[in-house]
C-alpha atoms as a PDB file:
ATOM      1  CA  MET A   1     123.556 128.772 109.087  1.00  0.00           C
ATOM      2  CA  GLN A   2     122.399 130.951 105.917  1.00  0.00           C
ATOM      3  CA  LYS A   3     118.800 130.850 105.180  1.00  0.00           C
ATOM      4  CA  LEU A   4     118.268 129.322 101.760  1.00  0.00           C
ATOM      5  CA  GLU A   5     116.302 131.645  99.543  1.00  0.00           C
ATOM      6  CA  GLN A   6     113.400 130.645  97.641  1.00  0.00           C
ATOM      7  CA  VAL A   7     113.807 127.286  95.741  1.00  0.00           C
ATOM      8  CA  ALA A   8     111.892 125.937  92.678  1.00  0.00           C
ATOM      9  CA  ALA A   9     111.730 122.612  91.132  1.00  0.00           C
ATOM     10  CA  ILE A  10     111.762 121.306  87.468  1.00  0.00           C
ATOM     11  CA  ILE A  11     110.116 117.693  86.943  1.00  0.00           C
ATOM     12  CA  LEU A  12     111.016 115.887  84.154  1.00  0.00           C
ATOM     13  CA  ALA A  13     108.036 113.799  82.915  1.00  0.00           C
ATOM     14  CA  THR A  14     108.218 113.391  79.172  1.00  0.00           C
ATOM     15  CA  GLY A  15     107.745 109.478  79.379  1.00  0.00           C
ATOM     16  CA  ALA A  16     110.467 107.591  77.651  1.00  0.00           C
ATOM     17  CA  ALA A  17     110.049 104.536  79.707  1.00  0.00           C
ATOM     18  CA  ARG A  18     107.264 102.124  78.688  1.00  0.00           C
ATOM     19  CA  HIS A  19     105.167  99.011  79.551  1.00  0.00           C
ATOM     20  CA  ALA A  20     105.978  95.960  77.220  1.00  0.00           C
ATOM     21  CA  ARG A  21     102.260  96.829  75.789  1.00  0.00           C
ATOM     22  CA  GLY A  22     103.576 100.384  75.188  1.00  0.00           C
ATOM     23  CA  ASP A  23     101.990 102.176  78.143  1.00  0.00           C
ATOM     24  CA  ASP A  24     104.071 105.029  79.458  1.00  0.00           C
ATOM     25  CA  LEU A  25     105.388 104.145  82.701  1.00  0.00           C
ATOM     26  CA  LEU A  26     104.900 107.724  84.355  1.00  0.00           C
ATOM     27  CA  TRP A  27     101.054 106.848  84.025  1.00  0.00           C
ATOM     28  CA  ALA A  28     101.137 103.204  85.183  1.00  0.00           C
ATOM     29  CA  PRO A  29      99.456 102.578  88.714  1.00  0.00           C
ATOM     30  CA  LEU A  30     101.628 102.850  91.720  1.00  0.00           C
ATOM     31  CA  CYS A  31      99.854 101.636  95.030  1.00  0.00           C
ATOM     32  CA  GLY A  32      97.006 103.448  94.195  1.00  0.00           C
ATOM     33  CA  ARG A  33      98.259 106.337  92.172  1.00  0.00           C
ATOM     34  CA  ILE A  34     100.160 106.749  89.264  1.00  0.00           C
ATOM     35  CA  VAL A  35     103.951 107.183  89.092  1.00  0.00           C
ATOM     36  CA  LEU A  36     104.049 110.758  88.338  1.00  0.00           C
ATOM     37  CA  ALA A  37     101.243 111.644  90.896  1.00  0.00           C
ATOM     38  CA  ARG A  38     103.597 109.885  93.697  1.00  0.00           C
ATOM     39  CA  THR A  39     106.496 112.098  92.579  1.00  0.00           C
ATOM     40  CA  MET A  40     104.740 115.321  92.458  1.00  0.00           C
ATOM     41  CA  ASP A  41     103.029 114.694  95.705  1.00  0.00           C
ATOM     42  CA  VAL A  42     106.707 114.988  97.328  1.00  0.00           C
ATOM     43  CA  PHE A  43     107.373 118.337  95.835  1.00  0.00           C
ATOM     44  CA  GLN A  44     104.131 119.772  96.343  1.00  0.00           C
ATOM     45  CA  SER A  45     104.068 118.911 100.265  1.00  0.00           C
ATOM     46  CA  SER A  46     107.816 120.207 100.829  1.00  0.00           C
ATOM     47  CA  PRO A  47     107.695 123.570 102.548  1.00  0.00           C
ATOM     48  CA  SER A  48     110.787 124.694 101.013  1.00  0.00           C
ATOM     49  CA  ILE A  49     109.595 124.548  97.444  1.00  0.00           C
ATOM     50  CA  ALA A  50     107.674 127.666  96.074  1.00  0.00           C
ATOM     51  CA  HIS A  51     107.278 126.905  92.411  1.00  0.00           C
ATOM     52  CA  ILE A  52     107.255 123.496  90.323  1.00  0.00           C
ATOM     53  CA  ILE A  53     107.683 123.701  86.457  1.00  0.00           C
ATOM     54  CA  LEU A  54     106.178 120.187  85.021  1.00  0.00           C
ATOM     55  CA  VAL A  55     108.270 119.329  81.687  1.00  0.00           C
ATOM     56  CA  THR A  56     106.388 116.820  79.684  1.00  0.00           C
ATOM     57  CA  SER A  57     105.704 115.708  75.959  1.00  0.00           C
ATOM     58  CA  ALA A  58     103.386 117.622  73.566  1.00  0.00           C
ATOM     59  CA  ALA A  59     101.146 114.661  73.437  1.00  0.00           C
ATOM     60  CA  ARG A  60     100.666 114.589  77.393  1.00  0.00           C
ATOM     61  CA  LEU A  61     100.446 118.443  77.504  1.00  0.00           C
ATOM     62  CA  GLN A  62      96.811 118.536  78.189  1.00  0.00           C
ATOM     63  CA  ALA A  63      96.568 115.294  80.250  1.00  0.00           C
ATOM     64  CA  CYS A  64      99.336 116.875  82.497  1.00  0.00           C
ATOM     65  CA  ARG A  65      97.432 120.239  82.849  1.00  0.00           C
ATOM     66  CA  ALA A  66      94.412 118.384  83.563  1.00  0.00           C
ATOM     67  CA  LEU A  67      96.106 116.254  86.375  1.00  0.00           C
ATOM     68  CA  CYS A  68      97.664 119.165  88.158  1.00  0.00           C
ATOM     69  CA  LYS A  69      94.145 120.958  88.170  1.00  0.00           C
ATOM     70  CA  HIS A  70      92.492 117.533  89.702  1.00  0.00           C
ATOM     71  CA  GLU A  71      94.935 117.232  92.184  1.00  0.00           C
ATOM     72  CA  GLY A  72      95.073 120.633  93.167  1.00  0.00           C
ATOM     73  CA  TRP A  73      98.974 121.177  92.935  1.00  0.00           C
ATOM     74  CA  HIS A  74      99.020 124.868  93.408  1.00  0.00           C
ATOM     75  CA  LYS A  75     102.642 125.178  93.094  1.00  0.00           C
ATOM     76  CA  VAL A  76     102.732 123.967  89.696  1.00  0.00           C
ATOM     77  CA  SER A  77     103.423 127.604  87.983  1.00  0.00           C
ATOM     78  CA  ALA A  78     103.742 126.242  84.374  1.00  0.00           C
ATOM     79  CA  VAL A  79     103.543 123.140  82.415  1.00  0.00           C
ATOM     80  CA  VAL A  80     105.677 122.884  79.344  1.00  0.00           C
ATOM     81  CA  ALA A  81     105.736 120.675  76.488  1.00  0.00           C
ATOM     82  CA  VAL A  82     109.024 119.453  74.402  1.00  0.00           C
ATOM     83  CA  ASN A  83     109.430 116.723  71.936  1.00  0.00           C
ATOM     84  CA  THR A  84     112.928 115.535  72.752  1.00  0.00           C
ATOM     85  CA  GLN A  85     114.621 113.474  75.494  1.00  0.00           C
ATOM     86  CA  GLY A  86     117.698 115.618  75.647  1.00  0.00           C
ATOM     87  CA  GLN A  87     118.902 118.649  77.724  1.00  0.00           C
ATOM     88  CA  ASP A  88     116.208 120.547  75.758  1.00  0.00           C
ATOM     89  CA  ARG A  89     113.756 119.535  78.318  1.00  0.00           C
ATOM     90  CA  VAL A  90     115.723 121.120  81.293  1.00  0.00           C
ATOM     91  CA  ARG A  91     116.280 124.306  79.208  1.00  0.00           C
ATOM     92  CA  ALA A  92     112.683 124.551  78.390  1.00  0.00           C
ATOM     93  CA  GLY A  93     111.908 124.147  82.204  1.00  0.00           C
ATOM     94  CA  LEU A  94     114.299 127.016  82.920  1.00  0.00           C
ATOM     95  CA  ASP A  95     112.963 129.297  80.578  1.00  0.00           C
ATOM     96  CA  ALA A  96     109.480 128.677  81.947  1.00  0.00           C
ATOM     97  CA  LEU A  97     110.924 129.385  85.395  1.00  0.00           C
ATOM     98  CA  GLU A  98     112.469 132.592  84.190  1.00  0.00           C
ATOM     99  CA  ARG A  99     109.227 133.659  83.017  1.00  0.00           C
ATOM    100  CA  VAL A 100     107.108 132.842  86.112  1.00  0.00           C
ATOM    101  CA  ALA A 101     109.788 133.139  89.033  1.00  0.00           C
ATOM    102  CA  PRO A 102     112.995 134.762  87.869  1.00  0.00           C
ATOM    103  CA  HIS A 103     113.827 135.526  91.559  1.00  0.00           C
ATOM    104  CA  CYS A 104     114.199 131.983  92.576  1.00  0.00           C
ATOM    105  CA  ARG A 105     117.883 131.624  93.485  1.00  0.00           C
ATOM    106  CA  HIS A 106     118.010 127.728  93.564  1.00  0.00           C
ATOM    107  CA  VAL A 107     116.310 124.927  91.291  1.00  0.00           C
ATOM    108  CA  LEU A 108     115.932 121.420  92.060  1.00  0.00           C
ATOM    109  CA  ILE A 109     116.104 119.151  88.928  1.00  0.00           C
ATOM    110  CA  HIS A 110     114.120 115.637  89.416  1.00  0.00           C
ATOM    111  CA  ASP A 111     113.142 113.033  87.015  1.00  0.00           C
ATOM    112  CA  GLY A 112     109.486 112.324  87.257  1.00  0.00           C
ATOM    113  CA  ALA A 113     110.359 108.567  87.028  1.00  0.00           C
ATOM    114  CA  ARG A 114     111.681 108.625  90.272  1.00  0.00           C
ATOM    115  CA  PRO A 115     108.678 108.495  92.522  1.00  0.00           C
ATOM    116  CA  LEU A 116     110.409 107.172  95.762  1.00  0.00           C
ATOM    117  CA  VAL A 117     112.220 110.382  96.471  1.00  0.00           C
ATOM    118  CA  SER A 118     111.702 111.430 100.039  1.00  0.00           C
ATOM    119  CA  ALA A 119     111.441 114.497 102.177  1.00  0.00           C
ATOM    120  CA  SER A 120     114.760 113.764 103.939  1.00  0.00           C
ATOM    121  CA  LEU A 121     116.208 113.633 100.368  1.00  0.00           C
ATOM    122  CA  LEU A 122     114.855 116.957  99.500  1.00  0.00           C
ATOM    123  CA  ALA A 123     116.115 118.240 102.887  1.00  0.00           C
ATOM    124  CA  ALA A 124     119.728 116.979 101.773  1.00  0.00           C
ATOM    125  CA  ALA A 125     119.385 118.621  98.642  1.00  0.00           C
ATOM    126  CA  LEU A 126     118.669 121.834 100.153  1.00  0.00           C
ATOM    127  CA  GLU A 127     121.480 121.555 102.691  1.00  0.00           C
ATOM    128  CA  ALA A 128     123.808 120.967 100.213  1.00  0.00           C
ATOM    129  CA  ALA A 129     122.745 124.081  98.343  1.00  0.00           C
ATOM    130  CA  ARG A 130     123.283 126.148 101.305  1.00  0.00           C
ATOM    131  CA  GLU A 131     127.309 125.407 100.711  1.00  0.00           C
ATOM    132  CA  HIS A 132     127.337 124.619  97.166  1.00  0.00           C
ATOM    133  CA  GLN A 133     126.313 126.259  93.783  1.00  0.00           C
ATOM    134  CA  ALA A 134     125.804 122.540  92.405  1.00  0.00           C
ATOM    135  CA  ALA A 135     125.335 119.235  93.903  1.00  0.00           C
ATOM    136  CA  THR A 136     123.617 115.872  93.170  1.00  0.00           C
ATOM    137  CA  ALA A 137     122.395 112.875  94.887  1.00  0.00           C
ATOM    138  CA  ALA A 138     124.424 109.893  94.512  1.00  0.00           C
ATOM    139  CA  VAL A 139     125.033 106.465  96.116  1.00  0.00           C
ATOM    140  CA  PRO A 140     128.066 104.411  95.996  1.00  0.00           C
ATOM    141  CA  VAL A 141     128.227 101.525  93.537  1.00  0.00           C
ATOM    142  CA  LYS A 142     127.898  98.290  95.137  1.00  0.00           C
ATOM    143  CA  ASP A 143     128.823  95.851  92.282  1.00  0.00           C
ATOM    144  CA  THR A 144     132.303  95.196  90.765  1.00  0.00           C
ATOM    145  CA  ILE A 145     132.751  97.528  87.678  1.00  0.00           C
ATOM    146  CA  LYS A 146     134.565  96.314  84.594  1.00  0.00           C
ATOM    147  CA  GLN A 147     135.811  98.003  81.609  1.00  0.00           C
ATOM    148  CA  VAL A 148     134.599  96.042  78.631  1.00  0.00           C
ATOM    149  CA  GLU A 149     135.845  96.592  75.072  1.00  0.00           C
ATOM    150  CA  GLN A 150     134.190  94.258  72.228  1.00  0.00           C
ATOM    151  CA  GLY A 151     132.858  91.800  74.473  1.00  0.00           C
ATOM    152  CA  ARG A 152     136.191  91.139  76.658  1.00  0.00           C
ATOM    153  CA  ILE A 153     137.132  92.747  79.903  1.00  0.00           C
ATOM    154  CA  ARG A 154     139.949  95.212  79.700  1.00  0.00           C
ATOM    155  CA  ALA A 155     140.192  96.612  83.127  1.00  0.00           C
ATOM    156  CA  THR A 156     138.769  96.332  86.651  1.00  0.00           C
ATOM    157  CA  LEU A 157     137.733  99.957  88.098  1.00  0.00           C
ATOM    158  CA  ASP A 158     138.048 101.135  91.404  1.00  0.00           C
ATOM    159  CA  ARG A 159     134.667 100.675  93.174  1.00  0.00           C
ATOM    160  CA  SER A 160     135.673 102.926  96.003  1.00  0.00           C
ATOM    161  CA  ARG A 161     135.741 105.825  93.684  1.00  0.00           C
ATOM    162  CA  MET A 162     132.397 105.166  91.596  1.00  0.00           C
ATOM    163  CA  TRP A 163     129.181 106.825  92.465  1.00  0.00           C
ATOM    164  CA  ARG A 164     125.831 106.202  90.714  1.00  0.00           C
ATOM    165  CA  LEU A 165     124.186 109.577  90.288  1.00  0.00           C
ATOM    166  CA  GLN A 166     120.450 110.058  90.937  1.00  0.00           C
ATOM    167  CA  THR A 167     118.049 113.099  90.898  1.00  0.00           C
ATOM    168  CA  PRO A 168     117.500 115.399  92.596  1.00  0.00           C
ATOM    169  CA  GLN A 169     120.223 117.556  91.488  1.00  0.00           C
ATOM    170  CA  ILE A 170     120.307 121.010  92.717  1.00  0.00           C
ATOM    171  CA  PHE A 171     121.709 124.309  91.256  1.00  0.00           C
ATOM    172  CA  SER A 172     122.246 128.064  91.725  1.00  0.00           C
ATOM    173  CA  LEU A 173     119.446 129.255  89.178  1.00  0.00           C
ATOM    174  CA  PRO A 174     121.940 131.808  87.484  1.00  0.00           C
ATOM    175  CA  LEU A 175     124.630 129.168  87.217  1.00  0.00           C
ATOM    176  CA  ILE A 176     122.517 126.316  85.655  1.00  0.00           C
ATOM    177  CA  ARG A 177     120.945 129.063  83.276  1.00  0.00           C
ATOM    178  CA  GLU A 178     124.335 129.906  81.959  1.00  0.00           C
ATOM    179  CA  ALA A 179     125.279 126.256  81.523  1.00  0.00           C
ATOM    180  CA  HIS A 180     122.081 125.482  79.667  1.00  0.00           C
ATOM    181  CA  HIS A 181     122.702 128.651  77.134  1.00  0.00           C
ATOM    182  CA  SER A 182     126.372 128.114  76.565  1.00  0.00           C
ATOM    183  CA  ARG A 183     126.489 126.276  73.278  1.00  0.00           C
ATOM    184  CA  PRO A 184     130.120 124.945  73.582  1.00  0.00           C
ATOM    185  CA  VAL A 185     128.705 122.662  76.252  1.00  0.00           C
ATOM    186  CA  LEU A 186     125.240 121.621  75.135  1.00  0.00           C
ATOM    187  CA  ASP A 187     126.261 118.638  72.921  1.00  0.00           C
ATOM    188  CA  ASP A 188     125.465 115.050  74.213  1.00  0.00           C
ATOM    189  CA  ALA A 189     125.513 115.947  77.804  1.00  0.00           C
ATOM    190  CA  ALA A 190     124.031 112.979  79.861  1.00  0.00           C
ATOM    191  CA  ASP A 191     122.640 115.219  82.852  1.00  0.00           C
ATOM    192  CA  ASP A 192     123.247 118.705  84.203  1.00  0.00           C
ATOM    193  CA  ALA A 193     126.285 117.796  86.208  1.00  0.00           C
ATOM    194  CA  LEU A 194     127.943 116.920  83.066  1.00  0.00           C
ATOM    195  CA  LEU A 195     127.163 120.331  81.756  1.00  0.00           C
ATOM    196  CA  LEU A 196     128.629 122.251  84.849  1.00  0.00           C
ATOM    197  CA  THR A 197     131.699 120.042  85.022  1.00  0.00           C
ATOM    198  CA  ARG A 198     132.464 120.977  81.312  1.00  0.00           C
ATOM    199  CA  MET A 199     132.424 124.535  82.282  1.00  0.00           C
ATOM    200  CA  GLY A 200     134.816 123.890  85.113  1.00  0.00           C
ATOM    201  CA  GLN A 201     132.198 124.152  87.886  1.00  0.00           C
ATOM    202  CA  ARG A 202     132.885 121.864  90.703  1.00  0.00           C
ATOM    203  CA  VAL A 203     129.856 119.606  91.420  1.00  0.00           C
ATOM    204  CA  THR A 204     129.246 118.191  94.739  1.00  0.00           C
ATOM    205  CA  VAL A 205     127.589 115.155  95.802  1.00  0.00           C
ATOM    206  CA  PHE A 206     125.094 114.475  98.644  1.00  0.00           C
ATOM    207  CA  PRO A 207     123.932 111.193  99.867  1.00  0.00           C
ATOM    208  CA  GLY A 208     121.100 109.747  97.679  1.00  0.00           C
ATOM    209  CA  SER A 209     119.110 106.400  98.426  1.00  0.00           C
ATOM    210  CA  TYR A 210     119.268 103.020  97.068  1.00  0.00           C
ATOM    211  CA  SER A 211     115.457 102.979  97.379  1.00  0.00           C
ATOM    212  CA  ASN A 212     115.280 106.315  94.947  1.00  0.00           C
ATOM    213  CA  ILE A 213     115.008 103.951  91.949  1.00  0.00           C
ATOM    214  CA  LYS A 214     114.185 105.338  88.608  1.00  0.00           C
ATOM    215  CA  ILE A 215     111.189 103.196  86.872  1.00  0.00           C
ATOM    216  CA  SER A 216     112.480 102.379  83.458  1.00  0.00           C
ATOM    217  CA  THR A 217     111.014  98.751  83.123  1.00  0.00           C
ATOM    218  CA  GLN A 218     108.130  96.821  84.390  1.00  0.00           C
ATOM    219  CA  GLU A 219     110.639  95.210  86.992  1.00  0.00           C
ATOM    220  CA  ASP A 220     111.428  98.671  88.187  1.00  0.00           C
ATOM    221  CA  LEU A 221     107.525  99.323  88.642  1.00  0.00           C
ATOM    222  CA  LEU A 222     107.076  95.896  90.690  1.00  0.00           C
ATOM    223  CA  LEU A 223     110.413  96.691  92.863  1.00  0.00           C
ATOM    224  CA  ALA A 224     108.841 100.117  93.510  1.00  0.00           C
ATOM    225  CA  GLU A 225     105.324  98.856  94.646  1.00  0.00           C
ATOM    226  CA  ALA A 226     107.405  96.359  97.142  1.00  0.00           C
ATOM    227  CA  LEU A 227     109.137  99.220  98.561  1.00  0.00           C
ATOM    228  CA  TYR A 228     106.208 101.378  99.152  1.00  0.00           C
ATOM    229  CA  GLN A 229     104.355  98.452 100.915  1.00  0.00           C
ATOM    230  CA  GLU A 230     107.428  98.100 103.043  1.00  0.00           C
ATOM    231  CA  PHE A 231     107.764 101.787 103.614  1.00  0.00           C
ATOM    232  CA  SER A 232     103.963 101.916 104.663  1.00  0.00           C
ATOM    233  CA  THR A 233     104.492  99.142 107.448  1.00  0.00           C
ATOM    234  CA  LEU A 234     107.310 101.187 108.981  1.00  0.00           C
END
């Protein structure tokens, strides 16, 4: 099996999700540590990842730098700030990575609000990268999916063909850099996989995890706490 070349990770931590009282959920406590720290710990401890780029908001820039120093996350090569929630975040991370580690061949892109990402999930991503230039974690949809227009059901979609995308997503660095600097494909892209499919690039899925939830609400935070407590007893 071909050895995977040096890998970097871009962690998106711009903090769109908030408590009902207005607090950024990335900084909410989760079983003794904040959500962002839980996410970062997994990437910091992975022997396969050489560099981490942390993308945050301008308001959290100094706090993130202080957190990285306090935690001793020596793999964090840059902390960059953006003021948007769109694809500018990833592009800023890629530009920073180009400056600090242009020799990396693959980059993992992960949402900082998914703290239950596991070492095995990172391993699955790296395995996918050995065979494909672009791959994303995903899980099959469990629910019945309806197409609804103006409040009325119009169609029942084939659930066997529906997958719910997650992060991490992993890409050849030259390929994802090209996608982010190709102006015709940048508008309204929901994620990096969509950017590449618009370029005609095939994106493969690898098995994600139903526990790899994104913390967007207070209810998600409570579920994450329950999952952590369950995992700690195994």
